[in-house]
Protein backbone atom coordinates (compact mmCIF):
# COMPACT_ATOMS: atom_id res chain seq x y z
CA UNK A 1 37.73 39.72 38.99
CA UNK A 2 34.33 37.75 39.80
CA UNK A 3 35.57 34.54 41.29
CA UNK A 4 34.02 31.14 39.11
CA UNK A 5 33.31 28.04 39.60
CA UNK A 6 35.31 24.99 38.06
CA UNK A 7 34.51 20.84 36.91
CA UNK A 8 37.83 19.22 36.74
CA UNK A 9 37.23 15.96 34.90
CA UNK A 10 39.68 13.25 34.79
CA UNK A 11 39.06 11.77 31.27
CA UNK A 12 41.28 11.26 28.58
CA UNK A 13 39.07 12.96 26.36
CA UNK A 14 39.89 15.78 24.24
CA UNK A 15 38.41 19.15 24.88
CA UNK A 16 36.54 19.22 22.22
CA UNK A 17 34.95 16.02 22.84
CA UNK A 18 34.09 17.24 26.66
CA UNK A 19 32.41 20.40 24.90
CA UNK A 20 30.37 18.59 22.20
CA UNK A 21 29.02 16.11 24.80
CA UNK A 22 28.13 19.15 27.50
CA UNK A 23 26.80 21.22 24.41
CA UNK A 24 24.47 18.31 23.95
CA UNK A 25 23.56 17.59 27.50
CA UNK A 26 23.01 20.88 28.31
CA UNK A 27 21.76 22.40 25.17
CA UNK A 28 24.11 24.92 24.45
CA UNK A 29 25.14 27.28 22.22
CA UNK A 30 28.55 28.16 20.82
CA UNK A 31 30.10 31.72 22.22
CA UNK A 32 32.24 33.05 19.13
CA UNK A 33 35.37 34.53 20.20
CA UNK A 34 37.30 35.32 17.35
CA UNK A 35 39.96 32.65 18.69
CA UNK A 36 41.87 29.68 16.23
CA UNK A 37 42.74 28.17 19.64
CA UNK A 38 40.62 24.69 19.12
CA UNK A 39 41.65 23.86 23.09
CA UNK A 40 39.21 26.77 24.23
CA UNK A 41 35.30 26.49 23.77
CA UNK A 42 33.13 28.79 24.88
CA UNK A 43 29.39 28.00 25.34
CA UNK A 44 26.43 29.57 26.91
CA UNK A 45 22.58 28.62 27.99
CA UNK A 46 20.03 29.08 30.51
CA UNK A 47 20.26 29.25 34.11
CA UNK A 48 18.13 26.72 35.50
CA UNK A 49 17.37 28.74 38.79
CA UNK A 50 17.36 32.10 37.57
CA UNK A 51 16.25 34.42 34.37
CA UNK A 52 20.41 34.40 33.24
CA UNK A 53 22.63 32.95 31.33
CA UNK A 54 25.30 30.94 32.58
CA UNK A 55 29.12 30.99 30.36
CA UNK A 56 31.17 27.74 30.05
CA UNK A 57 34.50 27.78 28.75
CA UNK A 58 36.26 24.25 28.45
CA UNK A 59 39.67 23.38 27.97
CA UNK A 60 42.83 21.68 29.42
CA UNK A 61 43.44 22.30 33.18
CA UNK A 62 45.63 24.70 32.86
CA UNK A 63 46.62 25.15 36.35
CA UNK A 64 48.38 21.93 37.36
CA UNK A 65 51.54 21.80 39.42
CA UNK A 66 53.95 18.82 37.73
CA UNK A 67 56.00 16.81 39.80
CA UNK A 68 55.42 18.71 43.03
CA UNK A 69 56.79 19.06 46.14
CA UNK A 70 54.35 18.11 48.89
CA UNK A 71 53.47 21.06 50.23
CA UNK A 72 52.73 21.97 46.48
CA UNK A 73 50.27 19.70 45.68
CA UNK A 74 46.82 20.78 44.33
CA UNK A 75 43.49 18.41 44.51
CA UNK A 76 42.70 19.26 40.42
CA UNK A 77 46.71 18.55 39.43
CA UNK A 78 45.75 14.99 37.68
CA UNK A 79 42.44 16.38 36.38
CA UNK A 80 43.14 16.93 32.75
CA UNK A 81 40.14 19.06 31.48
CA UNK A 82 38.53 21.87 33.11
CA UNK A 83 34.79 23.62 33.01
CA UNK A 84 34.59 27.26 34.33
CA UNK A 85 31.31 28.26 34.93
CA UNK A 86 29.70 31.99 35.22
CA UNK A 87 27.58 33.48 35.66
CA UNK A 88 27.78 36.57 36.23
CA UNK A 89 27.13 39.39 40.03
CA UNK A 90 25.02 36.84 41.64
CA UNK A 91 27.57 34.12 42.95
CA UNK A 92 25.33 32.64 44.87
CA UNK A 93 23.24 31.93 41.99
CA UNK A 94 26.61 30.89 39.89
CA UNK A 95 27.36 28.59 42.87
CA UNK A 96 23.83 26.90 42.76
CA UNK A 97 23.64 26.64 38.92
CA UNK A 98 27.61 25.37 38.99
CA UNK A 99 26.46 22.18 41.59
CA UNK A 100 23.14 21.13 39.44
CA UNK A 101 26.10 20.96 36.77
CA UNK A 102 28.11 18.91 38.38
CA UNK A 103 25.24 16.99 39.42
CA UNK A 104 23.91 16.77 36.13
CA UNK A 105 27.06 15.44 34.54
CA UNK A 106 27.53 12.99 37.30
CA UNK A 107 24.65 11.31 36.38
CA UNK A 108 25.57 11.15 32.55
CA UNK A 109 29.12 10.60 32.89
CA UNK A 110 29.70 7.90 35.87
CA UNK A 111 32.56 6.75 34.63
CA UNK A 112 34.40 9.93 35.14
CA UNK A 113 36.24 11.04 38.19
CA UNK A 114 35.34 14.81 39.19
CA UNK A 115 35.64 16.96 41.12
CA UNK A 116 34.07 21.21 41.81
CA UNK A 117 35.37 23.68 43.15
CA UNK A 118 34.63 27.81 44.29
CA UNK A 119 37.59 29.95 42.68
CA UNK A 120 40.09 27.01 42.35
CA UNK A 121 40.67 27.53 45.90
CA UNK A 122 37.90 25.82 47.50
CA UNK A 123 36.73 22.41 47.26
CA UNK A 124 33.24 21.65 47.31
CA UNK A 125 32.48 17.85 46.35
CA UNK A 126 34.33 14.90 44.48
CA UNK A 127 32.82 12.32 42.68
CA UNK A 128 34.33 8.78 42.00
CA UNK A 129 33.29 6.01 39.66
CA UNK A 130 31.80 3.29 42.18
CA UNK A 131 31.91 5.52 45.12
CA UNK A 132 29.45 8.44 44.59
CA UNK A 133 30.00 11.62 45.68
CA UNK A 134 31.46 12.91 48.87
CA UNK A 135 30.75 16.57 49.56
CA UNK A 136 33.51 18.57 51.42
CA UNK A 137 33.37 20.56 54.90
CA UNK A 138 33.41 24.20 54.65
CA UNK A 139 36.49 26.30 54.36
CA UNK A 140 38.25 22.87 52.36
CA UNK A 141 40.92 24.11 50.07
CA UNK A 142 42.21 22.57 47.02
CA UNK A 143 45.97 23.06 48.80
CA UNK A 144 48.07 20.60 49.97
CA UNK A 145 47.64 21.54 53.91
CA UNK A 146 43.92 19.67 53.28
CA UNK A 147 45.30 16.74 51.39
CA UNK A 148 43.95 14.97 54.73
CA UNK A 149 40.71 15.68 53.86
CA UNK A 150 40.18 15.11 50.14
CA UNK A 151 43.01 12.64 49.52
CA UNK A 152 40.46 9.50 49.40
CA UNK A 153 38.50 11.74 47.21
CA UNK A 154 40.82 12.88 44.55
CA UNK A 155 43.00 10.66 42.15
CA UNK A 156 46.28 11.96 41.92
């Protein structure tokens, strides 16, 4: 399976509300999935850096560890909504597109803490209201072993 990019949001808003504001912000169209699951919303729209279509899946964060032991902690555990972003076979362009999405989301919703991750394991950037965006060094993971690197920029 191809890697994806993820934006995790620390918000009390529903998946539907988040999907509505990103749909408007990026002029996206729904992806009909034939599912009755209201908590998994597919969207798509044109890429900004390539002649391609970017796919988005907005859903509740399905990856957190609840009440984790210290060695099980993940950076995104306390971020209840995720936006999965994928482009296709060009992972470099996919990462660029995800970064543009993250930056525009930060600008549009400066009240919402966010994380930008590559394939769930790589922590790329974090945003905290009042503090701004922080870039993490290459090879920073979302896992507990790197918590000393991201602890000050991730809400627990």
